[in-house]
Structures are given as C-alpha cells and as structure tokens.
Amino acid sequence: MNNYQTHPTAVIDEGATIGNGTKIWHFSHIMSGAIIGENCTIGQNVLVSSQAVLGNNVKVQNNVSVYTGVVCEDDVFLGPSCVFTNVINPRSFISRKEEFRPTLVKKGAAIGANATIICGLTIGEYAMIGAGAVVTKDVPAYALIVGNPGKQMAWVDKEGNTIETLQ
C-alpha cells in the first residue's frame, strides 16, 4: 500500500522509492531508481530521473527536470521551470552518460523560477538563487545569487531575509 498521493496522469516506474505523505501531481514521471523523501510536493510536469535524490519536505514546482546525479537535501525549494544539467559539454551524437557530473543542493536552499544550475556544483545550505540566475560556480551557504552569470549580491538568513548586502 502506498502512503503517498499521485494524480491519475502521473507515471511512477517500478523501483522508484517515494516517502510517506508525498504528493505527485499531473503529468509527472518518477523513474525507476529515483528516491523521493517524505512530505514532498512534486508539481505538474516534473521528471525525477533514475538516481536523482530528493530529501524530506522538498517542494518541486511545475516543469522541473531533476536529472540523474542531482541530490537535493531536506527542505529544498525548486521554483517553476528551474533547470539542472548533468553533462558539461552535451552533443546529441555522443553518449556521455559516464561523464555525468553530480550536483548537490544542500538543506533549505531555494532555487528561483527559470534559474539554471550548471552541473557539478554545490549550492550551500539555505542559499537563495534568484529567478533567472545562471549558476556557474559553487554557492556558499546563506548566499543570495542573482543574474547571468550568477553573482552573490547579499547574505540571507535561514528564513531568506537579507541580512547583509554586498557592494
């Protein structure tokens, strides 16, 4: 018996692990080998690939693909249409699955709508990535990153309030 909820249009492959209290909405696909913790919300049109990991209380908004190699710790927020990559130099005619670079999003971090996270990086605890930012390097804990390329503009507290603006 499943202790999670799925919309009838969601596809859950055999071999996916989904924690109690998680809700999976319209047209989402959870692949075999994906691990999703307890009390998560998976929005509409979300892909969680094999070997992707979502901790407890993770919120994934609509139109997000969490690819193989992405690990999100507890309490992470993934905004609408944010983007992860897992190959640094993709080509359609070259298979580079053995070159996937892992991405770690640490506890409590938030990634804004339409932000892009280049593979192989770590987003620190409670960091905030602004909407539309392109993150090309590791992000310290509690940093606020905005722009393209992403630059640190401030420090934030655990609740996301700006505590120090950088010049």
N, C-alpha and C. Protein backbone atom coordinates (compact mmCIF):
# COMPACT_ATOMS: atom_id res chain seq x y z
N MET A 1 0.84 -1.19 0.00
CA MET A 1 0.00 0.00 0.00
C MET A 1 0.88 1.25 0.00
N ASN A 2 0.56 2.18 -0.88
CA ASN A 2 1.31 3.43 -0.98
C ASN A 2 0.79 4.41 0.06
N ASN A 3 1.68 5.10 0.72
CA ASN A 3 1.31 6.15 1.67
C ASN A 3 1.65 7.51 1.10
N TYR A 4 1.52 7.64 -0.21
CA TYR A 4 1.71 8.91 -0.90
C TYR A 4 0.57 9.05 -1.90
N GLN A 5 0.39 10.27 -2.43
CA GLN A 5 -0.72 10.54 -3.35
C GLN A 5 -0.18 10.85 -4.73
N THR A 6 -0.85 10.31 -5.74
CA THR A 6 -0.48 10.63 -7.12
C THR A 6 -1.72 10.97 -7.92
N HIS A 7 -1.58 11.91 -8.82
CA HIS A 7 -2.64 12.22 -9.77
C HIS A 7 -2.71 11.06 -10.77
N PRO A 8 -3.89 10.76 -11.29
CA PRO A 8 -4.01 9.63 -12.24
C PRO A 8 -3.13 9.74 -13.49
N THR A 9 -2.70 10.95 -13.86
CA THR A 9 -1.87 11.10 -15.05
C THR A 9 -0.38 10.95 -14.75
N ALA A 10 -0.01 10.87 -13.48
CA ALA A 10 1.41 10.71 -13.11
C ALA A 10 1.85 9.29 -13.43
N VAL A 11 3.13 9.15 -13.82
CA VAL A 11 3.71 7.85 -14.11
C VAL A 11 4.79 7.58 -13.06
N ILE A 12 4.60 6.49 -12.32
CA ILE A 12 5.56 6.09 -11.30
C ILE A 12 6.13 4.75 -11.73
N ASP A 13 7.39 4.71 -12.13
CA ASP A 13 8.01 3.46 -12.58
C ASP A 13 8.28 2.54 -11.39
N GLU A 14 8.18 1.25 -11.65
CA GLU A 14 8.54 0.26 -10.64
C GLU A 14 10.00 0.48 -10.25
N GLY A 15 10.27 0.42 -8.96
CA GLY A 15 11.63 0.61 -8.48
C GLY A 15 11.91 2.02 -8.00
N ALA A 16 10.94 2.94 -8.14
CA ALA A 16 11.08 4.27 -7.55
C ALA A 16 10.76 4.16 -6.07
N THR A 17 11.43 4.96 -5.25
CA THR A 17 11.18 4.99 -3.82
C THR A 17 10.56 6.34 -3.48
N ILE A 18 9.37 6.30 -2.87
CA ILE A 18 8.64 7.54 -2.56
C ILE A 18 8.19 7.48 -1.11
N GLY A 19 8.52 8.53 -0.35
CA GLY A 19 8.22 8.57 1.07
C GLY A 19 6.78 8.90 1.39
N ASN A 20 6.41 8.59 2.62
CA ASN A 20 5.06 8.85 3.12
C ASN A 20 4.71 10.33 3.03
N GLY A 21 3.46 10.61 2.70
CA GLY A 21 2.95 11.97 2.69
C GLY A 21 3.32 12.78 1.46
N THR A 22 4.06 12.22 0.53
CA THR A 22 4.44 12.94 -0.68
C THR A 22 3.25 13.01 -1.63
N LYS A 23 3.15 14.12 -2.36
CA LYS A 23 2.09 14.34 -3.35
C LYS A 23 2.73 14.57 -4.71
N ILE A 24 2.25 13.84 -5.72
CA ILE A 24 2.79 13.92 -7.07
C ILE A 24 1.64 14.30 -8.00
N TRP A 25 1.79 15.42 -8.70
CA TRP A 25 0.69 16.00 -9.47
C TRP A 25 0.74 15.63 -10.95
N HIS A 26 -0.09 16.28 -11.73
CA HIS A 26 -0.39 15.99 -13.13
C HIS A 26 0.86 15.79 -14.00
N PHE A 27 0.83 14.76 -14.81
CA PHE A 27 1.79 14.52 -15.90
C PHE A 27 3.25 14.41 -15.44
N SER A 28 3.48 14.11 -14.18
CA SER A 28 4.84 13.95 -13.70
C SER A 28 5.29 12.50 -13.89
N HIS A 29 6.61 12.32 -13.99
CA HIS A 29 7.19 10.99 -14.21
C HIS A 29 8.31 10.78 -13.21
N ILE A 30 8.15 9.74 -12.40
CA ILE A 30 9.17 9.35 -11.43
C ILE A 30 9.78 8.05 -11.94
N MET A 31 11.05 8.08 -12.29
CA MET A 31 11.70 6.93 -12.93
C MET A 31 12.20 5.92 -11.90
N SER A 32 12.37 4.69 -12.36
CA SER A 32 12.93 3.63 -11.53
C SER A 32 14.29 4.06 -10.99
N GLY A 33 14.51 3.85 -9.71
CA GLY A 33 15.78 4.24 -9.09
C GLY A 33 15.77 5.63 -8.49
N ALA A 34 14.73 6.43 -8.77
CA ALA A 34 14.61 7.75 -8.14
C ALA A 34 14.26 7.55 -6.67
N ILE A 35 14.74 8.45 -5.83
CA ILE A 35 14.43 8.41 -4.41
C ILE A 35 13.84 9.75 -4.01
N ILE A 36 12.61 9.70 -3.47
CA ILE A 36 11.92 10.89 -3.01
C ILE A 36 11.55 10.68 -1.55
N GLY A 37 11.87 11.64 -0.71
CA GLY A 37 11.63 11.53 0.73
C GLY A 37 10.18 11.74 1.11
N GLU A 38 9.97 11.93 2.40
CA GLU A 38 8.63 12.11 2.96
C GLU A 38 8.17 13.56 2.80
N ASN A 39 6.84 13.70 2.68
CA ASN A 39 6.17 15.01 2.69
C ASN A 39 6.69 15.96 1.62
N CYS A 40 7.04 15.43 0.46
CA CYS A 40 7.46 16.26 -0.67
C CYS A 40 6.24 16.63 -1.51
N THR A 41 6.37 17.70 -2.27
CA THR A 41 5.36 18.08 -3.25
C THR A 41 6.04 18.12 -4.60
N ILE A 42 5.55 17.30 -5.53
CA ILE A 42 6.08 17.24 -6.88
C ILE A 42 5.01 17.84 -7.79
N GLY A 43 5.30 19.00 -8.37
CA GLY A 43 4.31 19.73 -9.16
C GLY A 43 4.00 19.07 -10.49
N GLN A 44 3.27 19.80 -11.31
CA GLN A 44 2.85 19.32 -12.62
C GLN A 44 4.03 19.26 -13.59
N ASN A 45 4.06 18.20 -14.42
CA ASN A 45 5.06 18.06 -15.48
C ASN A 45 6.50 18.05 -14.95
N VAL A 46 6.73 17.28 -13.90
CA VAL A 46 8.06 17.15 -13.29
C VAL A 46 8.63 15.78 -13.64
N LEU A 47 9.91 15.74 -13.95
CA LEU A 47 10.64 14.48 -14.15
C LEU A 47 11.64 14.33 -13.01
N VAL A 48 11.62 13.17 -12.35
CA VAL A 48 12.66 12.81 -11.40
C VAL A 48 13.32 11.57 -11.97
N SER A 49 14.55 11.72 -12.43
CA SER A 49 15.26 10.65 -13.13
C SER A 49 15.81 9.61 -12.17
N SER A 50 16.19 8.49 -12.77
CA SER A 50 16.87 7.43 -12.04
C SER A 50 18.11 8.01 -11.35
N GLN A 51 18.31 7.62 -10.11
CA GLN A 51 19.47 8.04 -9.32
C GLN A 51 19.43 9.50 -8.89
N ALA A 52 18.34 10.19 -9.14
CA ALA A 52 18.15 11.51 -8.54
C ALA A 52 17.59 11.29 -7.14
N VAL A 53 17.94 12.19 -6.21
CA VAL A 53 17.51 12.04 -4.83
C VAL A 53 16.92 13.35 -4.33
N LEU A 54 15.72 13.25 -3.76
CA LEU A 54 15.08 14.38 -3.10
C LEU A 54 14.88 14.00 -1.64
N GLY A 55 15.33 14.85 -0.72
CA GLY A 55 15.17 14.59 0.71
C GLY A 55 13.74 14.81 1.16
N ASN A 56 13.54 14.96 2.45
CA ASN A 56 12.22 15.19 3.02
C ASN A 56 11.81 16.65 2.85
N ASN A 57 10.50 16.87 2.70
CA ASN A 57 9.91 18.23 2.64
C ASN A 57 10.44 19.06 1.47
N VAL A 58 10.80 18.42 0.38
CA VAL A 58 11.26 19.13 -0.81
C VAL A 58 10.04 19.54 -1.63
N LYS A 59 10.05 20.76 -2.13
CA LYS A 59 8.97 21.25 -2.98
C LYS A 59 9.54 21.48 -4.38
N VAL A 60 9.00 20.76 -5.36
CA VAL A 60 9.42 20.90 -6.75
C VAL A 60 8.24 21.48 -7.50
N GLN A 61 8.38 22.70 -7.98
CA GLN A 61 7.30 23.37 -8.69
C GLN A 61 7.18 22.83 -10.13
N ASN A 62 6.21 23.32 -10.88
CA ASN A 62 5.91 22.81 -12.21
C ASN A 62 7.09 22.92 -13.18
N ASN A 63 7.16 21.94 -14.09
CA ASN A 63 8.08 21.96 -15.24
C ASN A 63 9.56 21.90 -14.86
N VAL A 64 9.90 21.08 -13.89
CA VAL A 64 11.28 20.91 -13.48
C VAL A 64 11.72 19.48 -13.79
N SER A 65 12.93 19.33 -14.33
CA SER A 65 13.53 18.01 -14.53
C SER A 65 14.71 17.88 -13.58
N VAL A 66 14.60 16.89 -12.70
CA VAL A 66 15.66 16.59 -11.74
C VAL A 66 16.39 15.38 -12.30
N TYR A 67 17.54 15.63 -12.91
CA TYR A 67 18.25 14.60 -13.66
C TYR A 67 19.13 13.73 -12.77
N THR A 68 19.55 12.60 -13.33
CA THR A 68 20.49 11.70 -12.68
C THR A 68 21.70 12.50 -12.20
N GLY A 69 22.07 12.28 -10.94
CA GLY A 69 23.22 12.98 -10.37
C GLY A 69 22.85 14.17 -9.52
N VAL A 70 21.59 14.59 -9.55
CA VAL A 70 21.15 15.71 -8.72
C VAL A 70 20.67 15.16 -7.38
N VAL A 71 21.20 15.74 -6.31
CA VAL A 71 20.77 15.39 -4.96
C VAL A 71 20.32 16.68 -4.28
N CYS A 72 19.08 16.68 -3.81
CA CYS A 72 18.53 17.79 -3.04
C CYS A 72 18.29 17.30 -1.62
N GLU A 73 18.92 17.94 -0.66
CA GLU A 73 18.74 17.56 0.73
C GLU A 73 17.38 18.04 1.24
N ASP A 74 17.09 17.84 2.51
CA ASP A 74 15.80 18.19 3.09
C ASP A 74 15.49 19.68 2.93
N ASP A 75 14.19 19.97 2.81
CA ASP A 75 13.65 21.34 2.83
C ASP A 75 14.09 22.22 1.67
N VAL A 76 14.47 21.62 0.56
CA VAL A 76 14.87 22.38 -0.63
C VAL A 76 13.62 22.82 -1.40
N PHE A 77 13.68 24.00 -2.00
CA PHE A 77 12.62 24.54 -2.86
C PHE A 77 13.18 24.69 -4.27
N LEU A 78 12.51 24.08 -5.25
CA LEU A 78 12.88 24.22 -6.66
C LEU A 78 11.75 24.95 -7.37
N GLY A 79 12.02 26.19 -7.79
CA GLY A 79 11.00 27.04 -8.38
C GLY A 79 10.58 26.58 -9.77
N PRO A 80 9.47 27.13 -10.26
CA PRO A 80 8.93 26.73 -11.55
C PRO A 80 9.95 26.85 -12.68
N SER A 81 10.06 25.78 -13.45
CA SER A 81 10.89 25.74 -14.66
C SER A 81 12.37 25.98 -14.40
N CYS A 82 12.84 25.78 -13.16
CA CYS A 82 14.29 25.86 -12.97
C CYS A 82 14.92 24.66 -13.68
N VAL A 83 16.21 24.80 -14.01
CA VAL A 83 16.87 23.83 -14.89
C VAL A 83 18.14 23.31 -14.24
N PHE A 84 18.28 21.98 -14.25
CA PHE A 84 19.53 21.33 -13.88
C PHE A 84 20.14 20.74 -15.14
N THR A 85 21.45 20.65 -15.18
CA THR A 85 22.13 19.93 -16.26
C THR A 85 22.92 18.81 -15.61
N ASN A 86 23.39 17.84 -16.40
CA ASN A 86 24.25 16.81 -15.83
C ASN A 86 25.44 16.46 -16.71
N VAL A 87 25.54 17.09 -17.88
CA VAL A 87 26.70 16.92 -18.76
C VAL A 87 27.23 18.31 -19.09
N ILE A 88 28.54 18.50 -18.97
CA ILE A 88 29.13 19.83 -19.15
C ILE A 88 29.25 20.22 -20.63
N ASN A 89 29.36 19.24 -21.53
CA ASN A 89 29.52 19.56 -22.95
C ASN A 89 28.68 18.60 -23.81
N PRO A 90 27.36 18.72 -23.73
CA PRO A 90 26.49 17.75 -24.41
C PRO A 90 26.55 17.85 -25.94
N ARG A 91 26.44 16.70 -26.57
CA ARG A 91 26.28 16.59 -28.02
C ARG A 91 25.30 15.45 -28.26
N SER A 92 24.35 15.64 -29.15
CA SER A 92 23.34 14.61 -29.38
C SER A 92 23.94 13.34 -29.97
N PHE A 93 25.04 13.44 -30.66
CA PHE A 93 25.63 12.29 -31.35
C PHE A 93 26.72 11.60 -30.54
N ILE A 94 26.96 12.06 -29.29
CA ILE A 94 27.96 11.44 -28.42
C ILE A 94 27.30 11.09 -27.09
N SER A 95 27.35 9.82 -26.70
CA SER A 95 26.83 9.41 -25.40
C SER A 95 27.87 9.74 -24.33
N ARG A 96 27.46 10.53 -23.35
CA ARG A 96 28.38 10.94 -22.29
C ARG A 96 27.84 10.60 -20.91
N LYS A 97 27.01 9.56 -20.83
CA LYS A 97 26.42 9.19 -19.54
C LYS A 97 27.47 8.88 -18.49
N GLU A 98 28.62 8.40 -18.90
CA GLU A 98 29.69 8.11 -17.94
C GLU A 98 30.36 9.40 -17.45
N GLU A 99 30.01 10.53 -18.03
CA GLU A 99 30.59 11.81 -17.66
C GLU A 99 29.64 12.69 -16.84
N PHE A 100 28.48 12.13 -16.42
CA PHE A 100 27.55 12.93 -15.61
C PHE A 100 28.29 13.52 -14.42
N ARG A 101 28.03 14.79 -14.16
CA ARG A 101 28.63 15.47 -13.01
C ARG A 101 27.55 15.68 -11.96
N PRO A 102 27.81 15.27 -10.73
CA PRO A 102 26.78 15.40 -9.68
C PRO A 102 26.59 16.85 -9.25
N THR A 103 25.36 17.15 -8.85
CA THR A 103 25.01 18.47 -8.33
C THR A 103 24.37 18.25 -6.97
N LEU A 104 24.81 19.00 -5.98
CA LEU A 104 24.28 18.89 -4.62
C LEU A 104 23.63 20.20 -4.22
N VAL A 105 22.36 20.11 -3.84
CA VAL A 105 21.63 21.26 -3.32
C VAL A 105 21.40 20.97 -1.84
N LYS A 106 22.06 21.74 -1.00
CA LYS A 106 22.07 21.44 0.44
C LYS A 106 20.80 21.92 1.14
N LYS A 107 20.65 21.45 2.36
CA LYS A 107 19.45 21.66 3.17
C LYS A 107 18.95 23.10 3.13
N GLY A 108 17.66 23.25 2.87
CA GLY A 108 16.99 24.54 2.97
C GLY A 108 17.25 25.51 1.84
N ALA A 109 18.05 25.14 0.85
CA ALA A 109 18.33 26.06 -0.26
C ALA A 109 17.07 26.26 -1.12
N ALA A 110 16.99 27.41 -1.78
CA ALA A 110 15.87 27.73 -2.65
C ALA A 110 16.41 28.19 -4.00
N ILE A 111 15.84 27.62 -5.06
CA ILE A 111 16.23 27.98 -6.43
C ILE A 111 15.01 28.59 -7.10
N GLY A 112 15.15 29.82 -7.58
CA GLY A 112 14.03 30.57 -8.15
C GLY A 112 13.63 30.10 -9.53
N ALA A 113 12.48 30.60 -9.95
CA ALA A 113 11.90 30.27 -11.25
C ALA A 113 12.88 30.55 -12.38
N ASN A 114 12.97 29.60 -13.30
CA ASN A 114 13.77 29.73 -14.52
C ASN A 114 15.28 29.88 -14.28
N ALA A 115 15.74 29.61 -13.08
CA ALA A 115 17.19 29.62 -12.83
C ALA A 115 17.80 28.38 -13.46
N THR A 116 19.06 28.48 -13.87
CA THR A 116 19.80 27.36 -14.45
C THR A 116 21.00 27.05 -13.57
N ILE A 117 21.14 25.76 -13.23
CA ILE A 117 22.25 25.30 -12.39
C ILE A 117 23.13 24.41 -13.25
N ILE A 118 24.34 24.87 -13.55
CA ILE A 118 25.28 24.07 -14.33
C ILE A 118 25.73 22.90 -13.47
N CYS A 119 25.92 21.74 -14.08
CA CYS A 119 26.24 20.52 -13.34
C CYS A 119 27.60 20.59 -12.65
N GLY A 120 27.73 19.74 -11.61
CA GLY A 120 28.98 19.60 -10.90
C GLY A 120 29.17 20.58 -9.76
N LEU A 121 28.12 21.30 -9.39
CA LEU A 121 28.23 22.34 -8.37
C LEU A 121 27.56 21.93 -7.07
N THR A 122 27.87 22.68 -6.01
CA THR A 122 27.19 22.56 -4.73
C THR A 122 26.55 23.90 -4.40
N ILE A 123 25.26 23.84 -4.09
CA ILE A 123 24.52 25.02 -3.61
C ILE A 123 24.45 24.86 -2.10
N GLY A 124 25.00 25.81 -1.36
CA GLY A 124 25.12 25.70 0.10
C GLY A 124 23.80 25.77 0.84
N GLU A 125 23.85 25.38 2.12
CA GLU A 125 22.67 25.39 2.98
C GLU A 125 22.03 26.77 2.99
N TYR A 126 20.71 26.78 2.84
CA TYR A 126 19.87 27.98 2.92
C TYR A 126 20.25 29.07 1.93
N ALA A 127 21.05 28.74 0.92
CA ALA A 127 21.35 29.71 -0.13
C ALA A 127 20.08 30.00 -0.92
N MET A 128 20.03 31.15 -1.56
CA MET A 128 18.91 31.52 -2.42
C MET A 128 19.44 31.88 -3.80
N ILE A 129 18.85 31.26 -4.80
CA ILE A 129 19.19 31.55 -6.19
C ILE A 129 18.03 32.31 -6.78
N GLY A 130 18.26 33.53 -7.25
CA GLY A 130 17.20 34.37 -7.77
C GLY A 130 16.63 33.85 -9.09
N ALA A 131 15.40 34.26 -9.37
CA ALA A 131 14.73 33.89 -10.61
C ALA A 131 15.60 34.25 -11.80
N GLY A 132 15.77 33.30 -12.72
CA GLY A 132 16.50 33.54 -13.95
C GLY A 132 18.02 33.53 -13.83
N ALA A 133 18.55 33.33 -12.63
CA ALA A 133 20.00 33.32 -12.46
C ALA A 133 20.61 32.12 -13.18
N VAL A 134 21.86 32.27 -13.62
CA VAL A 134 22.62 31.17 -14.20
C VAL A 134 23.82 30.93 -13.29
N VAL A 135 23.78 29.79 -12.59
CA VAL A 135 24.79 29.48 -11.59
C VAL A 135 25.89 28.65 -12.23
N THR A 136 27.12 29.21 -12.23
CA THR A 136 28.25 28.58 -12.91
C THR A 136 29.36 28.16 -11.96
N LYS A 137 29.19 28.43 -10.65
CA LYS A 137 30.19 28.03 -9.67
C LYS A 137 29.51 27.72 -8.34
N ASP A 138 30.23 27.04 -7.45
CA ASP A 138 29.67 26.69 -6.16
C ASP A 138 29.13 27.93 -5.44
N VAL A 139 28.08 27.70 -4.65
CA VAL A 139 27.41 28.79 -3.93
C VAL A 139 27.60 28.56 -2.43
N PRO A 140 28.11 29.56 -1.69
CA PRO A 140 28.27 29.39 -0.24
C PRO A 140 26.92 29.30 0.47
N ALA A 141 26.93 28.71 1.65
CA ALA A 141 25.74 28.69 2.49
C ALA A 141 25.27 30.12 2.74
N TYR A 142 23.95 30.33 2.73
CA TYR A 142 23.30 31.60 3.04
C TYR A 142 23.58 32.72 2.03
N ALA A 143 24.12 32.40 0.86
CA ALA A 143 24.39 33.42 -0.16
C ALA A 143 23.14 33.65 -1.01
N LEU A 144 22.95 34.90 -1.45
CA LEU A 144 21.93 35.25 -2.43
C LEU A 144 22.63 35.47 -3.76
N ILE A 145 22.27 34.67 -4.78
CA ILE A 145 22.89 34.73 -6.10
C ILE A 145 21.86 35.22 -7.11
N VAL A 146 22.21 36.22 -7.92
CA VAL A 146 21.32 36.72 -8.96
C VAL A 146 22.11 36.97 -10.24
N GLY A 147 21.41 37.01 -11.36
CA GLY A 147 22.00 37.44 -12.63
C GLY A 147 22.59 36.33 -13.47
N ASN A 148 23.13 36.77 -14.62
CA ASN A 148 23.76 35.87 -15.59
C ASN A 148 25.07 36.52 -16.06
N PRO A 149 26.20 35.94 -15.67
CA PRO A 149 26.35 34.80 -14.78
C PRO A 149 25.97 35.18 -13.36
N GLY A 150 25.61 34.19 -12.57
CA GLY A 150 25.19 34.42 -11.20
C GLY A 150 26.30 35.03 -10.36
N LYS A 151 25.94 36.06 -9.61
CA LYS A 151 26.88 36.72 -8.69
C LYS A 151 26.22 36.87 -7.34
N GLN A 152 27.04 36.79 -6.29
CA GLN A 152 26.50 36.97 -4.96
C GLN A 152 26.23 38.44 -4.71
N MET A 153 24.98 38.74 -4.31
CA MET A 153 24.58 40.12 -4.05
C MET A 153 24.39 40.40 -2.56
N ALA A 154 24.18 39.32 -1.77
CA ALA A 154 23.89 39.53 -0.35
C ALA A 154 24.06 38.21 0.40
N TRP A 155 23.94 38.33 1.72
CA TRP A 155 23.80 37.18 2.61
C TRP A 155 22.37 37.18 3.12
N VAL A 156 21.81 35.99 3.27
CA VAL A 156 20.45 35.87 3.78
C VAL A 156 20.45 34.99 5.03
N ASP A 157 19.38 35.13 5.82
CA ASP A 157 19.25 34.25 6.99
C ASP A 157 18.47 32.99 6.59
N LYS A 158 18.24 32.14 7.57
CA LYS A 158 17.57 30.87 7.33
C LYS A 158 16.19 31.06 6.71
N GLU A 159 15.49 32.15 7.04
CA GLU A 159 14.16 32.42 6.51
C GLU A 159 14.20 33.13 5.15
N GLY A 160 15.39 33.47 4.65
CA GLY A 160 15.51 34.11 3.35
C GLY A 160 15.53 35.62 3.38
N ASN A 161 15.59 36.21 4.57
CA ASN A 161 15.66 37.66 4.68
C ASN A 161 17.09 38.14 4.47
N THR A 162 17.26 39.23 3.73
CA THR A 162 18.58 39.80 3.51
C THR A 162 19.13 40.33 4.82
N ILE A 163 20.35 39.90 5.16
CA ILE A 163 20.96 40.40 6.39
C ILE A 163 22.18 41.28 6.12
N GLU A 164 22.76 41.14 4.91
CA GLU A 164 23.89 41.99 4.56
C GLU A 164 23.99 42.07 3.04
N THR A 165 23.93 43.28 2.50
CA THR A 165 24.08 43.49 1.06
C THR A 165 25.55 43.71 0.77
N LEU A 166 26.02 43.08 -0.31
CA LEU A 166 27.44 43.22 -0.70
C LEU A 166 27.58 44.34 -1.71
N GLN A 167 28.68 45.04 -1.66
CA GLN A 167 28.94 46.14 -2.61
C GLN A 167 29.79 45.68 -3.75
